[in-house]
Amino acid sequence: MSLRTATVALLLGLATASPAAAMDLKTALEMARRSSPLLAMAEAGDAAAAARRRQAEAARGPTVTVSGMIADGHSDLDGFFGFGATDVAPSALMLEARQPLFTSGALRAGLAGAAAGVAGAREGRRAAEAGLTVAVVTAFADVLTAEQGLATARRQSELLAEIARQAAARFEAGEIARSDLAEATARRAEALAARSEAEARLEAARAAFARGVGAPADGLGPLPPAPDVGADVAAALEEALASSPGLAAAEAGLDGARAQLAAARAGFGPSVAVTARASQTRDEFLPGYRNDEWRVGVQGRWVLFDSGSTAAAVSAQAAEVRAAEARLREARRAVEAEVLAAFHGAHAARLRLAAAEAAYEASVISAASVADEVAADARPLVDRLDAEARVAGAERARAAAARDALVLACQLRALAGDASCSGLVD
């Protein structure tokens, strides 16, 4: 088989081959969801927020406490009330129930703040799930792109080694100039360096994959096509603003800050509760002292002066509300900017992919033709070296465009809280 025939067969084979896969993208995402520390943290935060809401709800209900004391001691009243020195065993037991009636809005604000915390944690979990999807898709695509890059680099290094060998033979035979031999030798050295760089990139991509997925990147399946992102950027922006987990979390943060402000302001007002208490006391004041009693009534509390502590707390929470409002505005701007970047980037990547496909096919045919012309001394050797470089560049551009089209499409869907990338990895 001639060098030209082998080269064309290898290039076209690389373009159509689809190796057997042990792990597809959906499987990788399932493994990542089971092992992701970030997702586990988000789930724990969701559970903690739900527990804080239950705690806030419980604060509105009654509480029952029991307290007691028992001790051994000695009392010497020196004849007072006719009592002298004697040993005593004082004891006390008290059962008290308390039901808040009015707290100037503190309990209501606490419940509102806890509800906002639940909403924020829920949106945080949605954001974590969507972010994990993007991270896994990116890691998966990066490994495949790096593998393709290494395959290209290996093919180029082997091909240029053969071209350099032939150039040396032709130079010895006086068929080509020394400059052609020097150019072929230099291109071979560049190809070897590019191969080393490609190997390093692949190892880095595999390490990132293992970190994100929790499994080695062995035998990955082919890269799936990117989901359609639509043609209407206004619709994509509207969808993201309506369902963005980041924006919803910022809104929940503002609700929580406002609830905290209301709770701080409640410190200026009174609180009222109904209480019931039953107690039993022995040997507490005098030897043989006994007292059994019960009480039912209303207790009130109103702080009239606290040296400005409550006012300072209100000022601090008012500042937190302003900060939360600013965070919400910033979150909205961030979503708008990220949607526009991902939308236009995804469309550009699709166009680049189509162009790269056409360029690759044309470069393969061109390289084969140039090889024949160089062999017939119709063109200089440097033309063939340039043609092979165009093949490698087109191959790398095609892989990079396919990667970008998929990753940017999933990023766009994640901005709207879609953790399945339009069903691609659900």
Protein backbone atom coordinates (compact mmCIF):
# COMPACT_ATOMS: atom_id res chain seq x y z
CA MET A 1 0.00 0.00 0.00
CA SER A 2 1.37 3.40 -0.98
CA LEU A 3 1.85 6.19 1.54
CA ARG A 4 -0.88 8.23 -0.15
CA THR A 5 -3.40 5.37 0.01
CA ALA A 6 -2.59 4.62 3.63
CA THR A 7 -2.90 8.29 4.56
CA VAL A 8 -6.31 8.74 2.91
CA ALA A 9 -7.63 5.53 4.45
CA LEU A 10 -6.43 6.53 7.90
CA LEU A 11 -7.90 10.02 7.72
CA LEU A 12 -11.28 8.93 6.43
CA GLY A 13 -11.32 6.09 8.94
CA LEU A 14 -10.80 8.55 11.78
CA ALA A 15 -13.68 10.62 10.46
CA THR A 16 -16.17 7.72 10.46
CA ALA A 17 -14.99 5.35 13.14
CA SER A 18 -17.02 5.11 16.37
CA PRO A 19 -15.25 2.98 18.95
CA ALA A 20 -17.21 0.76 21.30
CA ALA A 21 -18.12 2.59 24.47
CA ALA A 22 -18.23 1.39 28.04
CA MET A 23 -19.70 4.64 29.37
CA ASP A 24 -22.03 7.06 27.63
CA LEU A 25 -22.85 10.59 28.76
CA LYS A 26 -26.03 9.61 30.61
CA THR A 27 -24.17 6.97 32.59
CA ALA A 28 -21.43 9.44 33.47
CA LEU A 29 -23.99 11.92 34.80
CA GLU A 30 -25.75 9.24 36.86
CA MET A 31 -22.43 8.29 38.45
CA ALA A 32 -21.61 11.95 39.14
CA ARG A 33 -24.97 12.53 40.81
CA ARG A 34 -24.40 9.59 43.13
CA SER A 35 -20.94 10.73 44.16
CA SER A 36 -20.84 14.52 43.82
CA PRO A 37 -19.84 16.27 47.08
CA LEU A 38 -21.30 19.55 45.79
CA LEU A 39 -24.68 17.94 45.19
CA ALA A 40 -24.53 16.28 48.60
CA MET A 41 -23.82 19.68 50.15
CA ALA A 42 -26.80 21.19 48.35
CA GLU A 43 -29.06 18.37 49.49
CA ALA A 44 -27.86 18.81 53.07
CA GLY A 45 -28.53 22.54 52.83
CA ASP A 46 -32.04 21.79 51.57
CA ALA A 47 -32.69 19.48 54.53
CA ALA A 48 -31.27 22.02 57.00
CA ALA A 49 -33.52 24.77 55.63
CA ALA A 50 -36.56 22.52 55.94
CA ALA A 51 -35.60 21.79 59.56
CA ARG A 52 -35.26 25.52 60.30
CA ARG A 53 -38.74 26.08 58.92
CA ARG A 54 -40.14 23.39 61.20
CA GLN A 55 -38.31 25.09 64.06
CA ALA A 56 -39.91 28.44 63.17
CA GLU A 57 -43.34 26.83 62.98
CA ALA A 58 -42.81 25.17 66.36
CA ALA A 59 -41.96 28.52 67.95
CA ARG A 60 -45.60 29.58 67.43
CA GLY A 61 -46.92 26.67 69.50
CA PRO A 62 -46.87 25.94 73.23
CA THR A 63 -43.81 24.86 75.17
CA VAL A 64 -43.80 22.78 78.34
CA THR A 65 -40.80 22.73 80.66
CA VAL A 66 -40.09 20.89 83.83
CA SER A 67 -37.37 21.85 86.29
CA GLY A 68 -36.36 20.46 89.64
CA MET A 69 -33.81 20.60 92.40
CA ILE A 70 -32.91 18.40 95.37
CA ALA A 71 -30.01 18.81 97.79
CA ASP A 72 -28.70 18.01 101.28
CA GLY A 73 -27.86 20.90 103.60
CA HIS A 74 -27.76 22.32 107.11
CA SER A 75 -29.82 25.19 108.51
CA ASP A 76 -29.27 27.11 111.77
CA LEU A 77 -31.94 29.73 112.43
CA ASP A 78 -30.61 30.37 115.96
CA GLY A 79 -34.04 30.05 117.57
CA PHE A 80 -35.82 32.24 115.02
CA PHE A 81 -39.40 30.98 114.71
CA GLY A 82 -38.34 28.40 117.25
CA PHE A 83 -35.96 26.64 114.91
CA GLY A 84 -32.40 25.79 115.81
CA ALA A 85 -29.67 23.94 113.95
CA THR A 86 -30.94 21.05 111.84
CA ASP A 87 -30.20 19.12 108.68
CA VAL A 88 -32.49 19.84 105.73
CA ALA A 89 -33.12 18.33 102.30
CA PRO A 90 -34.51 21.18 100.19
CA SER A 91 -36.25 20.20 96.96
CA ALA A 92 -38.32 21.91 94.32
CA LEU A 93 -40.26 20.69 91.28
CA MET A 94 -41.99 22.94 88.76
CA LEU A 95 -43.97 22.26 85.58
CA GLU A 96 -44.68 25.25 83.34
CA ALA A 97 -46.56 25.63 80.03
CA ARG A 98 -46.30 28.73 77.87
CA GLN A 99 -48.22 29.77 74.74
CA PRO A 100 -47.23 32.97 72.89
CA LEU A 101 -50.21 35.19 72.09
CA PHE A 102 -48.60 38.30 70.63
CA THR A 103 -44.97 39.00 69.69
CA SER A 104 -45.27 42.21 67.65
CA GLY A 105 -44.72 40.15 64.48
CA ALA A 106 -41.48 38.44 65.54
CA LEU A 107 -42.83 34.89 65.12
CA ARG A 108 -44.50 35.72 61.82
CA ALA A 109 -41.26 37.25 60.55
CA GLY A 110 -39.30 34.25 61.72
CA LEU A 111 -41.58 31.90 59.80
CA ALA A 112 -41.35 34.09 56.69
CA GLY A 113 -37.57 34.10 56.94
CA ALA A 114 -37.47 30.32 57.31
CA ALA A 115 -39.77 29.91 54.30
CA ALA A 116 -37.44 32.12 52.28
CA GLY A 117 -34.55 29.97 53.43
CA VAL A 118 -36.34 26.86 52.16
CA ALA A 119 -36.96 28.51 48.80
CA GLY A 120 -33.35 29.64 48.57
CA ALA A 121 -32.02 26.18 49.45
CA ARG A 122 -34.33 24.59 46.90
CA GLU A 123 -33.08 26.92 44.19
CA GLY A 124 -29.53 26.31 45.32
CA ARG A 125 -30.05 22.60 44.83
CA ARG A 126 -31.51 23.22 41.36
CA ALA A 127 -28.48 25.32 40.51
CA ALA A 128 -26.15 22.61 41.82
CA GLU A 129 -27.87 19.94 39.72
CA ALA A 130 -27.76 22.09 36.58
CA GLY A 131 -24.16 23.05 37.26
CA LEU A 132 -23.21 19.41 37.74
CA THR A 133 -24.75 18.55 34.39
CA VAL A 134 -22.71 21.23 32.66
CA ALA A 135 -19.56 20.13 34.48
CA VAL A 136 -20.01 16.48 33.49
CA VAL A 137 -20.87 17.34 29.88
CA THR A 138 -17.79 19.58 29.74
CA ALA A 139 -15.51 16.95 31.28
CA PHE A 140 -16.91 14.24 28.98
CA ALA A 141 -16.48 16.41 25.88
CA ASP A 142 -13.02 17.55 26.95
CA VAL A 143 -11.80 13.96 27.26
CA LEU A 144 -13.13 13.03 23.82
CA THR A 145 -11.71 16.21 22.30
CA ALA A 146 -8.34 15.53 23.92
CA GLU A 147 -8.41 11.93 22.70
CA GLN A 148 -9.15 13.15 19.18
CA GLY A 149 -6.36 15.70 19.50
CA LEU A 150 -3.92 13.04 20.58
CA ALA A 151 -4.97 10.76 17.72
CA THR A 152 -4.39 13.64 15.32
CA ALA A 153 -1.02 14.43 16.87
CA ARG A 154 0.08 10.79 16.72
CA ARG A 155 -0.96 10.49 13.09
CA GLN A 156 0.83 13.72 12.24
CA SER A 157 4.01 12.70 14.04
CA GLU A 158 4.06 9.31 12.29
CA LEU A 159 3.27 10.82 8.90
CA LEU A 160 5.84 13.60 9.21
CA ALA A 161 8.42 11.11 10.41
CA GLU A 162 7.87 9.15 7.21
CA ILE A 163 7.97 12.33 5.11
CA ALA A 164 11.23 13.34 6.80
CA ARG A 165 12.67 9.88 6.11
CA GLN A 166 11.71 10.10 2.45
CA ALA A 167 13.08 13.64 2.25
CA ALA A 168 16.40 12.47 3.62
CA ALA A 169 16.55 9.72 1.02
CA ARG A 170 15.66 12.10 -1.80
CA PHE A 171 18.22 14.64 -0.57
CA GLU A 172 20.91 11.97 -0.62
CA ALA A 173 19.86 11.16 -4.16
CA GLY A 174 20.09 14.84 -5.10
CA GLU A 175 16.37 15.12 -5.88
CA ILE A 176 15.51 17.92 -3.42
CA ALA A 177 17.28 20.91 -1.92
CA ARG A 178 18.75 21.04 1.57
CA SER A 179 16.05 23.59 2.53
CA ASP A 180 13.33 21.03 1.83
CA LEU A 181 15.08 18.49 4.05
CA ALA A 182 15.50 21.09 6.80
CA GLU A 183 11.81 22.04 6.59
CA ALA A 184 10.70 18.40 6.80
CA THR A 185 12.98 17.81 9.80
CA ALA A 186 11.63 20.92 11.56
CA ARG A 187 8.03 19.91 10.94
CA ARG A 188 8.75 16.46 12.34
CA ALA A 189 10.14 18.04 15.53
CA GLU A 190 7.09 20.29 15.82
CA ALA A 191 4.82 17.27 15.42
CA LEU A 192 6.63 15.44 18.23
CA ALA A 193 6.23 18.47 20.51
CA ALA A 194 2.54 18.74 19.60
CA ARG A 195 2.13 15.06 20.43
CA SER A 196 3.61 15.59 23.90
CA GLU A 197 1.30 18.54 24.49
CA ALA A 198 -1.70 16.49 23.37
CA GLU A 199 -0.76 13.71 25.77
CA ALA A 200 -0.56 16.22 28.62
CA ARG A 201 -3.95 17.73 27.72
CA LEU A 202 -5.53 14.28 27.68
CA GLU A 203 -4.16 13.41 31.11
CA ALA A 204 -5.48 16.71 32.50
CA ALA A 205 -8.90 16.09 30.94
CA ARG A 206 -9.03 12.58 32.38
CA ALA A 207 -8.12 13.89 35.83
CA ALA A 208 -10.90 16.50 35.65
CA PHE A 209 -13.34 13.82 34.53
CA ALA A 210 -12.41 11.52 37.41
CA ARG A 211 -12.85 14.36 39.88
CA GLY A 212 -16.26 15.36 38.56
CA VAL A 213 -17.70 11.92 37.84
CA GLY A 214 -15.97 9.83 40.47
CA ALA A 215 -14.82 7.23 37.93
CA PRO A 216 -11.97 6.95 35.42
CA ALA A 217 -12.54 8.12 31.85
CA ASP A 218 -12.13 4.71 30.25
CA GLY A 219 -13.87 3.80 27.01
CA LEU A 220 -16.14 6.82 26.71
CA GLY A 221 -18.88 6.70 24.12
CA PRO A 222 -19.16 9.14 21.22
CA LEU A 223 -20.06 12.76 21.81
CA PRO A 224 -23.82 13.20 21.33
CA PRO A 225 -25.10 15.98 19.08
CA ALA A 226 -25.90 19.26 20.74
CA PRO A 227 -29.57 19.91 21.54
CA ASP A 228 -31.36 22.59 19.59
CA VAL A 229 -31.22 25.98 21.32
CA GLY A 230 -33.86 27.59 19.12
CA ALA A 231 -33.58 30.63 16.92
CA ASP A 232 -35.18 33.27 19.15
CA VAL A 233 -32.77 34.84 21.61
CA ALA A 234 -35.59 36.86 23.21
CA ALA A 235 -37.47 33.64 24.01
CA ALA A 236 -34.34 32.07 25.50
CA LEU A 237 -33.76 35.14 27.64
CA GLU A 238 -37.37 35.24 28.81
CA GLU A 239 -37.28 31.56 29.77
CA ALA A 240 -34.05 31.96 31.72
CA LEU A 241 -35.29 35.01 33.61
CA ALA A 242 -38.51 33.17 34.50
CA SER A 243 -36.90 29.97 35.75
CA SER A 244 -33.24 30.71 36.57
CA PRO A 245 -32.30 29.08 39.89
CA GLY A 246 -29.68 31.74 40.52
CA LEU A 247 -32.20 34.54 40.06
CA ALA A 248 -34.82 32.73 42.15
CA ALA A 249 -32.25 32.19 44.92
CA ALA A 250 -31.46 35.91 44.90
CA GLU A 251 -35.19 36.69 45.18
CA ALA A 252 -35.47 34.29 48.11
CA GLY A 253 -32.47 35.98 49.70
CA LEU A 254 -34.26 39.33 49.45
CA ASP A 255 -37.41 37.85 51.02
CA GLY A 256 -35.29 36.46 53.85
CA ALA A 257 -33.57 39.80 54.43
CA ARG A 258 -36.92 41.58 54.59
CA ALA A 259 -38.20 39.01 57.08
CA GLN A 260 -35.12 39.54 59.25
CA LEU A 261 -35.76 43.29 59.16
CA ALA A 262 -39.34 42.72 60.32
CA ALA A 263 -38.07 40.50 63.14
CA ALA A 264 -35.60 43.17 64.23
CA ARG A 265 -38.33 45.83 64.25
CA ALA A 266 -40.48 43.55 66.41
CA GLY A 267 -37.93 44.16 69.16
CA PHE A 268 -39.47 47.60 69.67
CA GLY A 269 -42.87 46.11 70.53
CA PRO A 270 -44.32 44.11 73.42
CA SER A 271 -44.84 40.37 73.69
CA VAL A 272 -47.67 38.60 75.51
CA ALA A 273 -48.00 34.93 76.43
CA VAL A 274 -50.39 32.82 78.49
CA THR A 275 -48.71 30.63 81.10
CA ALA A 276 -49.69 27.86 83.46
CA ARG A 277 -47.45 26.66 86.26
CA ALA A 278 -47.63 24.02 88.97
CA SER A 279 -44.89 23.70 91.62
CA GLN A 280 -43.98 21.78 94.73
CA THR A 281 -41.38 23.00 97.26
CA ARG A 282 -39.96 21.28 100.36
CA ASP A 283 -37.50 22.48 103.09
CA GLU A 284 -36.66 25.53 100.97
CA PHE A 285 -36.95 28.35 103.50
CA LEU A 286 -37.58 26.70 106.88
CA PRO A 287 -37.09 23.16 108.10
CA GLY A 288 -40.25 21.28 107.24
CA TYR A 289 -41.45 24.00 104.87
CA ARG A 290 -44.01 22.75 102.31
CA ASN A 291 -45.70 24.58 99.46
CA ASP A 292 -47.82 23.22 96.61
CA GLU A 293 -49.28 25.74 94.19
CA TRP A 294 -50.55 26.30 90.66
CA ARG A 295 -51.00 29.47 88.63
CA VAL A 296 -52.64 30.36 85.34
CA GLY A 297 -52.23 33.82 83.88
CA VAL A 298 -50.88 36.16 81.26
CA GLN A 299 -47.31 37.45 81.07
CA GLY A 300 -46.22 40.52 79.16
CA ARG A 301 -42.82 41.96 78.31
CA TRP A 302 -41.86 45.27 76.72
CA VAL A 303 -38.33 46.55 76.56
CA LEU A 304 -38.52 50.33 77.08
CA PHE A 305 -34.80 51.13 76.85
CA ASP A 306 -31.86 49.03 75.68
CA SER A 307 -29.18 51.68 75.00
CA GLY A 308 -29.85 51.56 71.23
CA SER A 309 -29.29 47.83 70.72
CA THR A 310 -32.60 47.22 68.94
CA ALA A 311 -32.22 50.33 66.80
CA ALA A 312 -28.75 49.18 65.73
CA ALA A 313 -30.11 45.76 64.85
CA VAL A 314 -32.83 47.36 62.69
CA SER A 315 -30.25 49.53 60.91
CA ALA A 316 -28.06 46.50 60.24
CA GLN A 317 -30.95 44.51 58.80
CA ALA A 318 -32.07 47.48 56.68
CA ALA A 319 -28.57 47.52 55.18
CA GLU A 320 -28.84 43.78 54.53
CA VAL A 321 -32.08 44.40 52.63
CA ARG A 322 -30.36 46.98 50.44
CA ALA A 323 -27.52 44.54 49.81
CA ALA A 324 -29.99 41.78 48.90
CA GLU A 325 -31.75 44.12 46.47
CA ALA A 326 -28.39 44.88 44.84
CA ARG A 327 -27.58 41.15 44.64
CA LEU A 328 -30.90 40.56 42.92
CA ARG A 329 -30.18 43.26 40.33
CA GLU A 330 -26.71 41.81 39.77
CA ALA A 331 -28.10 38.29 39.44
CA ARG A 332 -30.53 39.47 36.78
CA ARG A 333 -27.77 41.20 34.84
CA ALA A 334 -25.57 38.11 35.11
CA VAL A 335 -28.32 35.85 33.77
CA GLU A 336 -28.96 38.19 30.86
CA ALA A 337 -25.27 38.38 29.96
CA GLU A 338 -24.69 34.64 30.32
CA VAL A 339 -27.75 33.76 28.25
CA LEU A 340 -26.68 36.04 25.43
CA ALA A 341 -23.14 34.67 25.50
CA ALA A 342 -24.25 31.03 25.57
CA PHE A 343 -26.95 31.50 22.93
CA HIS A 344 -24.76 33.26 20.38
CA GLY A 345 -21.80 31.04 21.24
CA ALA A 346 -23.84 27.89 20.63
CA HIS A 347 -25.05 29.16 17.25
CA ALA A 348 -21.54 30.20 16.29
CA ALA A 349 -20.21 26.78 17.31
CA ARG A 350 -22.79 25.07 15.07
CA LEU A 351 -21.67 27.19 12.13
CA ARG A 352 -18.02 26.50 12.93
CA LEU A 353 -18.76 22.78 13.11
CA ALA A 354 -20.38 22.77 9.67
CA ALA A 355 -17.46 24.75 8.26
CA ALA A 356 -14.93 22.49 9.96
CA GLU A 357 -16.59 19.38 8.55
CA ALA A 358 -16.37 20.79 5.03
CA ALA A 359 -12.81 22.02 5.58
CA TYR A 360 -11.71 18.63 6.88
CA GLU A 361 -13.11 16.72 3.93
CA ALA A 362 -11.56 19.19 1.51
CA SER A 363 -8.21 19.14 3.29
CA VAL A 364 -8.03 15.34 3.16
CA ILE A 365 -8.60 15.35 -0.59
CA SER A 366 -6.21 18.25 -1.07
CA ALA A 367 -3.46 16.61 0.97
CA ALA A 368 -3.67 13.43 -1.07
CA SER A 369 -3.49 15.39 -4.34
CA VAL A 370 -0.57 17.49 -3.14
CA ALA A 371 1.27 14.32 -2.08
CA ASP A 372 1.00 12.99 -5.64
CA GLU A 373 2.19 16.28 -7.11
CA VAL A 374 5.16 16.45 -4.75
CA ALA A 375 6.06 12.85 -5.59
CA ALA A 376 6.03 13.83 -9.27
CA ASP A 377 8.27 16.85 -8.57
CA ALA A 378 5.43 19.15 -9.70
CA ARG A 379 5.36 20.97 -6.36
CA PRO A 380 7.89 21.58 -3.59
CA LEU A 381 7.93 19.44 -0.48
CA VAL A 382 6.89 22.36 1.72
CA ASP A 383 3.50 22.37 -0.02
CA ARG A 384 2.84 18.87 1.21
CA LEU A 385 3.91 19.79 4.72
CA ASP A 386 1.50 22.71 4.65
CA ALA A 387 -1.30 20.52 3.33
CA GLU A 388 -0.82 18.01 6.14
CA ALA A 389 -0.84 20.85 8.67
CA ARG A 390 -4.19 22.00 7.24
CA VAL A 391 -5.61 18.50 7.68
CA ALA A 392 -4.55 18.43 11.31
CA GLY A 393 -5.89 21.92 11.94
CA ALA A 394 -9.25 21.10 10.37
CA GLU A 395 -9.50 17.92 12.39
CA ARG A 396 -8.81 19.77 15.63
CA ALA A 397 -11.23 22.57 14.67
CA ARG A 398 -13.97 20.04 14.00
CA ALA A 399 -13.54 18.39 17.39
CA ALA A 400 -13.40 21.75 19.19
CA ALA A 401 -16.54 23.02 17.45
CA ALA A 402 -18.49 19.87 18.32
CA ARG A 403 -17.39 20.22 21.92
CA ASP A 404 -18.33 23.91 22.11
CA ALA A 405 -21.73 23.39 20.47
CA LEU A 406 -22.69 20.77 23.07
CA VAL A 407 -21.25 22.51 26.12
CA LEU A 408 -22.70 25.93 25.28
CA ALA A 409 -26.13 24.46 24.56
CA CYS A 410 -26.11 22.72 27.95
CA GLN A 411 -24.93 25.92 29.62
CA LEU A 412 -27.86 27.78 28.07
CA ARG A 413 -30.30 25.15 29.35
CA ALA A 414 -28.68 25.19 32.80
CA LEU A 415 -29.24 28.93 33.07
CA ALA A 416 -32.95 28.15 32.91
CA GLY A 417 -32.57 25.44 35.57
CA ASP A 418 -32.71 22.52 33.14
CA ALA A 419 -30.52 19.80 34.66
CA SER A 420 -31.21 17.39 31.81
CA CYS A 421 -29.90 19.56 28.96
CA SER A 422 -33.24 19.21 27.18
CA GLY A 423 -33.40 15.50 27.97
CA LEU A 424 -29.95 14.80 26.58
CA VAL A 425 -28.57 13.42 29.85
CA ASP A 426 -31.70 12.87 31.94
